[in-house]
Amino acid sequence: MNIALWIAAGLLAAVSVTGGITKMFVPREKLAALKGGEWTGHASVGFIKTIGILEFLAAVGLILPAVLDIAPFMVLVTAVCWVLLMVGAAIIHVRLGQLRLVAVNLGYVALAAFIAWGRFSLEPFSG
């Protein structure tokens, strides 16, 4: 189970770092032109960059605390925060009628919930 949790955390971290860097560095107009990025056309640049920073920090929080053995409980906390972030994203996509993206968000919610549950009860980090 530990290996499955590491794989899930790695996959979610890859998604998170990619989304974070994109939102931090791609101009809003280019994001708004992308399929699924329409919401950025109605959001402030500061909001978009803040979401990008949160996603980037989530990638860090899913991996580094456990690897460095410094506050590894933060992996669980980060996974729970990712669930909340993706629920918010799903709500935005529902409002825009983007049901395919809602399904993607719910997939990320399931992956993050698996990590949170696994690190809380199945394979918690010792220490």
C-alpha atoms as a PDB file:
ATOM      1  CA  MET A   1       0.000   0.000   0.000  1.00  0.00           C
ATOM      2  CA  ASN A   2       2.896   2.340   0.729  1.00  0.00           C
ATOM      3  CA  ILE A   3       4.053   2.076  -2.897  1.00  0.00           C
ATOM      4  CA  ALA A   4       0.546   2.815  -4.185  1.00  0.00           C
ATOM      5  CA  LEU A   5       0.370   5.892  -1.956  1.00  0.00           C
ATOM      6  CA  TRP A   6       3.769   7.108  -3.202  1.00  0.00           C
ATOM      7  CA  ILE A   7       2.679   6.603  -6.819  1.00  0.00           C
ATOM      8  CA  ALA A   8      -0.579   8.472  -6.186  1.00  0.00           C
ATOM      9  CA  ALA A   9       1.308  11.317  -4.491  1.00  0.00           C
ATOM     10  CA  GLY A  10       3.791  11.470  -7.364  1.00  0.00           C
ATOM     11  CA  LEU A  11       1.033  11.589  -9.982  1.00  0.00           C
ATOM     12  CA  LEU A  12      -0.870  14.269  -8.108  1.00  0.00           C
ATOM     13  CA  ALA A  13       2.321  16.262  -7.538  1.00  0.00           C
ATOM     14  CA  ALA A  14       3.080  16.144 -11.277  1.00  0.00           C
ATOM     15  CA  VAL A  15      -0.413  17.423 -12.099  1.00  0.00           C
ATOM     16  CA  SER A  16      -0.111  20.056  -9.402  1.00  0.00           C
ATOM     17  CA  VAL A  17       3.301  21.395 -10.414  1.00  0.00           C
ATOM     18  CA  THR A  18       2.263  21.519 -14.072  1.00  0.00           C
ATOM     19  CA  GLY A  19      -0.937  23.415 -13.320  1.00  0.00           C
ATOM     20  CA  GLY A  20       0.816  25.686 -10.861  1.00  0.00           C
ATOM     21  CA  ILE A  21       3.626  26.692 -13.189  1.00  0.00           C
ATOM     22  CA  THR A  22       1.154  27.227 -16.019  1.00  0.00           C
ATOM     23  CA  LYS A  23      -1.047  29.514 -13.934  1.00  0.00           C
ATOM     24  CA  MET A  24       1.949  31.399 -12.540  1.00  0.00           C
ATOM     25  CA  PHE A  25       3.693  32.101 -15.847  1.00  0.00           C
ATOM     26  CA  VAL A  26       1.247  31.874 -18.783  1.00  0.00           C
ATOM     27  CA  PRO A  27      -0.580  35.155 -19.449  1.00  0.00           C
ATOM     28  CA  ARG A  28      -4.271  35.214 -18.568  1.00  0.00           C
ATOM     29  CA  GLU A  29      -5.305  35.832 -22.178  1.00  0.00           C
ATOM     30  CA  LYS A  30      -3.521  32.665 -23.318  1.00  0.00           C
ATOM     31  CA  LEU A  31      -5.021  30.650 -20.459  1.00  0.00           C
ATOM     32  CA  ALA A  32      -8.507  31.927 -21.265  1.00  0.00           C
ATOM     33  CA  ALA A  33      -8.089  30.808 -24.890  1.00  0.00           C
ATOM     34  CA  LEU A  34      -7.327  27.209 -23.851  1.00  0.00           C
ATOM     35  CA  LYS A  35     -10.071  24.614 -23.605  1.00  0.00           C
ATOM     36  CA  GLY A  36     -10.894  24.392 -19.913  1.00  0.00           C
ATOM     37  CA  GLY A  37      -9.190  27.692 -19.158  1.00  0.00           C
ATOM     38  CA  GLU A  38     -12.179  29.877 -19.949  1.00  0.00           C
ATOM     39  CA  TRP A  39     -12.695  30.622 -16.260  1.00  0.00           C
ATOM     40  CA  THR A  40      -9.469  32.622 -16.224  1.00  0.00           C
ATOM     41  CA  GLY A  41     -11.017  35.195 -18.535  1.00  0.00           C
ATOM     42  CA  HIS A  42     -13.352  36.182 -15.685  1.00  0.00           C
ATOM     43  CA  ALA A  43     -10.755  36.038 -12.900  1.00  0.00           C
ATOM     44  CA  SER A  44      -8.177  38.565 -11.824  1.00  0.00           C
ATOM     45  CA  VAL A  45      -4.526  37.957 -12.620  1.00  0.00           C
ATOM     46  CA  GLY A  46      -3.794  37.945  -8.887  1.00  0.00           C
ATOM     47  CA  PHE A  47      -6.369  35.227  -8.259  1.00  0.00           C
ATOM     48  CA  ILE A  48      -5.007  33.072 -11.081  1.00  0.00           C
ATOM     49  CA  LYS A  49      -1.434  33.468  -9.831  1.00  0.00           C
ATOM     50  CA  THR A  50      -2.539  32.677  -6.269  1.00  0.00           C
ATOM     51  CA  ILE A  51      -4.161  29.438  -7.447  1.00  0.00           C
ATOM     52  CA  GLY A  52      -0.942  28.673  -9.337  1.00  0.00           C
ATOM     53  CA  ILE A  53       1.153  29.239  -6.221  1.00  0.00           C
ATOM     54  CA  LEU A  54      -1.185  27.016  -4.179  1.00  0.00           C
ATOM     55  CA  GLU A  55      -0.928  24.262  -6.774  1.00  0.00           C
ATOM     56  CA  PHE A  56       2.863  24.522  -6.857  1.00  0.00           C
ATOM     57  CA  LEU A  57       3.012  24.402  -3.048  1.00  0.00           C
ATOM     58  CA  ALA A  58       0.718  21.371  -3.112  1.00  0.00           C
ATOM     59  CA  ALA A  59       3.238  19.557  -5.304  1.00  0.00           C
ATOM     60  CA  VAL A  60       5.943  20.367  -2.779  1.00  0.00           C
ATOM     61  CA  GLY A  61       3.729  19.388   0.167  1.00  0.00           C
ATOM     62  CA  LEU A  62       2.806  16.024  -1.295  1.00  0.00           C
ATOM     63  CA  ILE A  63       6.425  14.906  -1.655  1.00  0.00           C
ATOM     64  CA  LEU A  64       9.080  16.829   0.265  1.00  0.00           C
ATOM     65  CA  PRO A  65       7.860  16.459   3.866  1.00  0.00           C
ATOM     66  CA  ALA A  66       7.973  12.678   3.543  1.00  0.00           C
ATOM     67  CA  VAL A  67      11.209  12.541   1.549  1.00  0.00           C
ATOM     68  CA  LEU A  68      13.016  14.859   3.964  1.00  0.00           C
ATOM     69  CA  ASP A  69      11.264  13.354   7.014  1.00  0.00           C
ATOM     70  CA  ILE A  70      10.417  16.852   8.212  1.00  0.00           C
ATOM     71  CA  ALA A  71       6.799  17.068   9.351  1.00  0.00           C
ATOM     72  CA  PRO A  72       5.623  14.186   7.141  1.00  0.00           C
ATOM     73  CA  PHE A  73       2.069  14.700   8.445  1.00  0.00           C
ATOM     74  CA  MET A  74       1.989  17.632   6.009  1.00  0.00           C
ATOM     75  CA  VAL A  75       1.453  15.123   3.189  1.00  0.00           C
ATOM     76  CA  LEU A  76      -1.935  14.315   4.748  1.00  0.00           C
ATOM     77  CA  VAL A  77      -2.713  18.014   5.282  1.00  0.00           C
ATOM     78  CA  THR A  78      -1.735  18.841   1.703  1.00  0.00           C
ATOM     79  CA  ALA A  79      -3.907  16.032   0.311  1.00  0.00           C
ATOM     80  CA  VAL A  80      -6.913  17.346   2.264  1.00  0.00           C
ATOM     81  CA  CYS A  81      -6.247  20.886   0.983  1.00  0.00           C
ATOM     82  CA  TRP A  82      -6.001  19.514  -2.567  1.00  0.00           C
ATOM     83  CA  VAL A  83      -9.452  17.933  -2.133  1.00  0.00           C
ATOM     84  CA  LEU A  84     -10.860  21.332  -1.177  1.00  0.00           C
ATOM     85  CA  LEU A  85      -9.115  23.075  -4.078  1.00  0.00           C
ATOM     86  CA  MET A  86     -10.444  20.543  -6.591  1.00  0.00           C
ATOM     87  CA  VAL A  87     -13.978  20.731  -5.208  1.00  0.00           C
ATOM     88  CA  GLY A  88     -13.791  24.469  -5.855  1.00  0.00           C
ATOM     89  CA  ALA A  89     -12.470  23.834  -9.362  1.00  0.00           C
ATOM     90  CA  ALA A  90     -15.279  21.362 -10.020  1.00  0.00           C
ATOM     91  CA  ILE A  91     -17.863  23.937  -8.936  1.00  0.00           C
ATOM     92  CA  ILE A  92     -16.421  26.459 -11.393  1.00  0.00           C
ATOM     93  CA  HIS A  93     -16.471  23.899 -14.208  1.00  0.00           C
ATOM     94  CA  VAL A  94     -20.078  22.925 -13.393  1.00  0.00           C
ATOM     95  CA  ARG A  95     -21.077  26.576 -13.675  1.00  0.00           C
ATOM     96  CA  LEU A  96     -19.401  26.729 -17.084  1.00  0.00           C
ATOM     97  CA  GLY A  97     -21.038  23.482 -18.210  1.00  0.00           C
ATOM     98  CA  GLN A  98     -17.683  21.707 -18.606  1.00  0.00           C
ATOM     99  CA  LEU A  99     -18.735  18.291 -17.354  1.00  0.00           C
ATOM    100  CA  ARG A 100     -15.664  16.514 -18.727  1.00  0.00           C
ATOM    101  CA  LEU A 101     -13.462  18.769 -16.611  1.00  0.00           C
ATOM    102  CA  VAL A 102     -15.707  18.190 -13.606  1.00  0.00           C
ATOM    103  CA  ALA A 103     -14.993  14.476 -14.028  1.00  0.00           C
ATOM    104  CA  VAL A 104     -11.244  15.212 -14.160  1.00  0.00           C
ATOM    105  CA  ASN A 105     -11.501  17.304 -10.998  1.00  0.00           C
ATOM    106  CA  LEU A 106     -13.421  14.546  -9.246  1.00  0.00           C
ATOM    107  CA  GLY A 107     -10.718  12.090 -10.294  1.00  0.00           C
ATOM    108  CA  TYR A 108      -8.143  14.335  -8.633  1.00  0.00           C
ATOM    109  CA  VAL A 109     -10.386  14.545  -5.559  1.00  0.00           C
ATOM    110  CA  ALA A 110     -10.491  10.736  -5.403  1.00  0.00           C
ATOM    111  CA  LEU A 111      -6.710  10.492  -5.753  1.00  0.00           C
ATOM    112  CA  ALA A 112      -6.102  13.093  -3.048  1.00  0.00           C
ATOM    113  CA  ALA A 113      -8.691  11.494  -0.757  1.00  0.00           C
ATOM    114  CA  PHE A 114      -6.944   8.158  -1.230  1.00  0.00           C
ATOM    115  CA  ILE A 115      -3.636   9.753  -0.206  1.00  0.00           C
ATOM    116  CA  ALA A 116      -5.209  11.452   2.823  1.00  0.00           C
ATOM    117  CA  TRP A 117      -6.983   8.289   3.953  1.00  0.00           C
ATOM    118  CA  GLY A 118      -3.940   6.132   3.311  1.00  0.00           C
ATOM    119  CA  ARG A 119      -1.531   8.405   5.159  1.00  0.00           C
ATOM    120  CA  PHE A 120      -3.971   8.847   8.030  1.00  0.00           C
ATOM    121  CA  SER A 121      -4.954   5.252   8.657  1.00  0.00           C
ATOM    122  CA  LEU A 122      -3.390   2.667   6.313  1.00  0.00           C
ATOM    123  CA  GLU A 123       0.275   3.659   6.043  1.00  0.00           C
ATOM    124  CA  PRO A 124       0.954   6.693   8.219  1.00  0.00           C
ATOM    125  CA  PHE A 125       4.494   8.000   8.298  1.00  0.00           C
ATOM    126  CA  SER A 126       6.146   7.201  11.591  1.00  0.00           C
ATOM    127  CA  GLY A 127       7.841   9.923  13.535  1.00  0.00           C
END
